[in-house]
Amino acid sequence: MLSIIIPSYKEPYLLNTINSILSCAQGEIEIFVNVDDGNPITPQKKDKRVTFNYPETPLGMRAGINLGLSKARGKY
């Protein structure tokens, strides 16, 4: 399994990035997205391989990556 961790802060192309990863992925993957700006992301279709995290206060890039690492089950 491959774990992909995406820290995000006001990223206008976040959904495009996620959709691109999902369409190109081969094998088993999981994607953790830390949305640090508090704005909920609404994907067009739900995918069980993608997990969104919305912290109450911004964590910053490093802490967002570490949060994803703590939840990852595969190689990252």
C-alpha atoms as a PDB file:
ATOM      1  CA  MET A   1       0.000   0.000   0.000  1.00  0.00           C
ATOM      2  CA  LEU A   2       1.131   3.523  -0.780  1.00  0.00           C
ATOM      3  CA  SER A   3       0.153   6.418   1.513  1.00  0.00           C
ATOM      4  CA  ILE A   4       0.054   9.920   0.036  1.00  0.00           C
ATOM      5  CA  ILE A   5       0.003  12.890   2.415  1.00  0.00           C
ATOM      6  CA  ILE A   6      -1.071  16.319   1.139  1.00  0.00           C
ATOM      7  CA  PRO A   7      -0.824  19.370   3.423  1.00  0.00           C
ATOM      8  CA  SER A   8      -3.039  22.136   2.037  1.00  0.00           C
ATOM      9  CA  TYR A   9      -3.600  25.819   2.737  1.00  0.00           C
ATOM     10  CA  LYS A  10      -5.870  27.747   0.352  1.00  0.00           C
ATOM     11  CA  GLU A  11      -4.867  25.464  -2.511  1.00  0.00           C
ATOM     12  CA  PRO A  12      -7.073  26.212  -5.551  1.00  0.00           C
ATOM     13  CA  TYR A  13      -6.053  23.027  -7.394  1.00  0.00           C
ATOM     14  CA  LEU A  14      -6.402  20.577  -4.509  1.00  0.00           C
ATOM     15  CA  LEU A  15      -9.325  18.626  -5.973  1.00  0.00           C
ATOM     16  CA  ASN A  16      -7.585  18.484  -9.366  1.00  0.00           C
ATOM     17  CA  THR A  17      -4.488  17.093  -7.650  1.00  0.00           C
ATOM     18  CA  ILE A  18      -6.477  14.439  -5.795  1.00  0.00           C
ATOM     19  CA  ASN A  19      -8.425  13.429  -8.918  1.00  0.00           C
ATOM     20  CA  SER A  20      -5.200  13.193 -10.912  1.00  0.00           C
ATOM     21  CA  ILE A  21      -3.599  10.943  -8.296  1.00  0.00           C
ATOM     22  CA  LEU A  22      -6.679   8.706  -8.171  1.00  0.00           C
ATOM     23  CA  SER A  23      -6.888   8.380 -11.947  1.00  0.00           C
ATOM     24  CA  CYS A  24      -3.181   7.531 -12.341  1.00  0.00           C
ATOM     25  CA  ALA A  25      -2.788   5.306  -9.287  1.00  0.00           C
ATOM     26  CA  GLN A  26      -1.947   1.684  -9.733  1.00  0.00           C
ATOM     27  CA  GLY A  27      -2.380  -0.668  -6.832  1.00  0.00           C
ATOM     28  CA  GLU A  28      -3.653   0.077  -3.373  1.00  0.00           C
ATOM     29  CA  ILE A  29      -3.341   3.699  -2.180  1.00  0.00           C
ATOM     30  CA  GLU A  30      -4.651   5.976   0.547  1.00  0.00           C
ATOM     31  CA  ILE A  31      -4.592   9.778   0.486  1.00  0.00           C
ATOM     32  CA  PHE A  32      -4.580  11.951   3.614  1.00  0.00           C
ATOM     33  CA  VAL A  33      -5.364  15.635   3.064  1.00  0.00           C
ATOM     34  CA  ASN A  34      -4.797  18.126   5.870  1.00  0.00           C
ATOM     35  CA  VAL A  35      -6.871  21.230   5.048  1.00  0.00           C
ATOM     36  CA  ASP A  36      -5.287  23.940   7.201  1.00  0.00           C
ATOM     37  CA  ASP A  37      -7.431  26.898   6.141  1.00  0.00           C
ATOM     38  CA  GLY A  38     -10.663  25.550   7.645  1.00  0.00           C
ATOM     39  CA  ASN A  39     -12.601  25.632   4.370  1.00  0.00           C
ATOM     40  CA  PRO A  40     -14.404  22.332   3.806  1.00  0.00           C
ATOM     41  CA  ILE A  41     -13.557  20.621   0.540  1.00  0.00           C
ATOM     42  CA  THR A  42     -16.467  19.080  -1.359  1.00  0.00           C
ATOM     43  CA  PRO A  43     -15.304  16.466  -3.847  1.00  0.00           C
ATOM     44  CA  GLN A  44     -17.685  15.672  -6.708  1.00  0.00           C
ATOM     45  CA  LYS A  45     -17.646  12.010  -5.746  1.00  0.00           C
ATOM     46  CA  LYS A  46     -16.649  10.359  -2.486  1.00  0.00           C
ATOM     47  CA  ASP A  47     -13.759   7.934  -2.529  1.00  0.00           C
ATOM     48  CA  LYS A  48     -12.941   5.743   0.459  1.00  0.00           C
ATOM     49  CA  ARG A  49      -9.226   6.066  -0.353  1.00  0.00           C
ATOM     50  CA  VAL A  50      -9.288   9.807   0.467  1.00  0.00           C
ATOM     51  CA  THR A  51      -9.438  11.135   4.040  1.00  0.00           C
ATOM     52  CA  PHE A  52      -9.812  14.845   4.798  1.00  0.00           C
ATOM     53  CA  ASN A  53      -8.680  16.337   8.108  1.00  0.00           C
ATOM     54  CA  TYR A  54      -9.904  19.781   9.205  1.00  0.00           C
ATOM     55  CA  PRO A  55      -8.047  20.960  12.349  1.00  0.00           C
ATOM     56  CA  GLU A  56      -9.737  23.649  14.448  1.00  0.00           C
ATOM     57  CA  THR A  57      -6.610  25.800  14.373  1.00  0.00           C
ATOM     58  CA  PRO A  58      -4.038  25.782  11.563  1.00  0.00           C
ATOM     59  CA  LEU A  59      -1.282  23.252  12.221  1.00  0.00           C
ATOM     60  CA  GLY A  60       1.200  24.363   9.601  1.00  0.00           C
ATOM     61  CA  MET A  61       2.838  22.266   6.915  1.00  0.00           C
ATOM     62  CA  ARG A  62       5.159  20.169   9.100  1.00  0.00           C
ATOM     63  CA  ALA A  63       2.495  19.317  11.687  1.00  0.00           C
ATOM     64  CA  GLY A  64       0.029  18.512   8.873  1.00  0.00           C
ATOM     65  CA  ILE A  65       2.518  16.093   7.351  1.00  0.00           C
ATOM     66  CA  ASN A  66       3.202  14.527  10.752  1.00  0.00           C
ATOM     67  CA  LEU A  67      -0.537  14.067  11.315  1.00  0.00           C
ATOM     68  CA  GLY A  68      -0.811  12.237   7.987  1.00  0.00           C
ATOM     69  CA  LEU A  69       2.213  10.110   8.881  1.00  0.00           C
ATOM     70  CA  SER A  70       0.606   9.096  12.163  1.00  0.00           C
ATOM     71  CA  LYS A  71      -2.446   7.779  10.287  1.00  0.00           C
ATOM     72  CA  ALA A  72      -0.630   6.218   7.321  1.00  0.00           C
ATOM     73  CA  ARG A  73      -0.797   2.460   6.982  1.00  0.00           C
ATOM     74  CA  GLY A  74       1.495   2.054   3.993  1.00  0.00           C
ATOM     75  CA  LYS A  75       4.763   3.355   2.593  1.00  0.00           C
ATOM     76  CA  TYR A  76       4.769   7.127   2.183  1.00  0.00           C
END
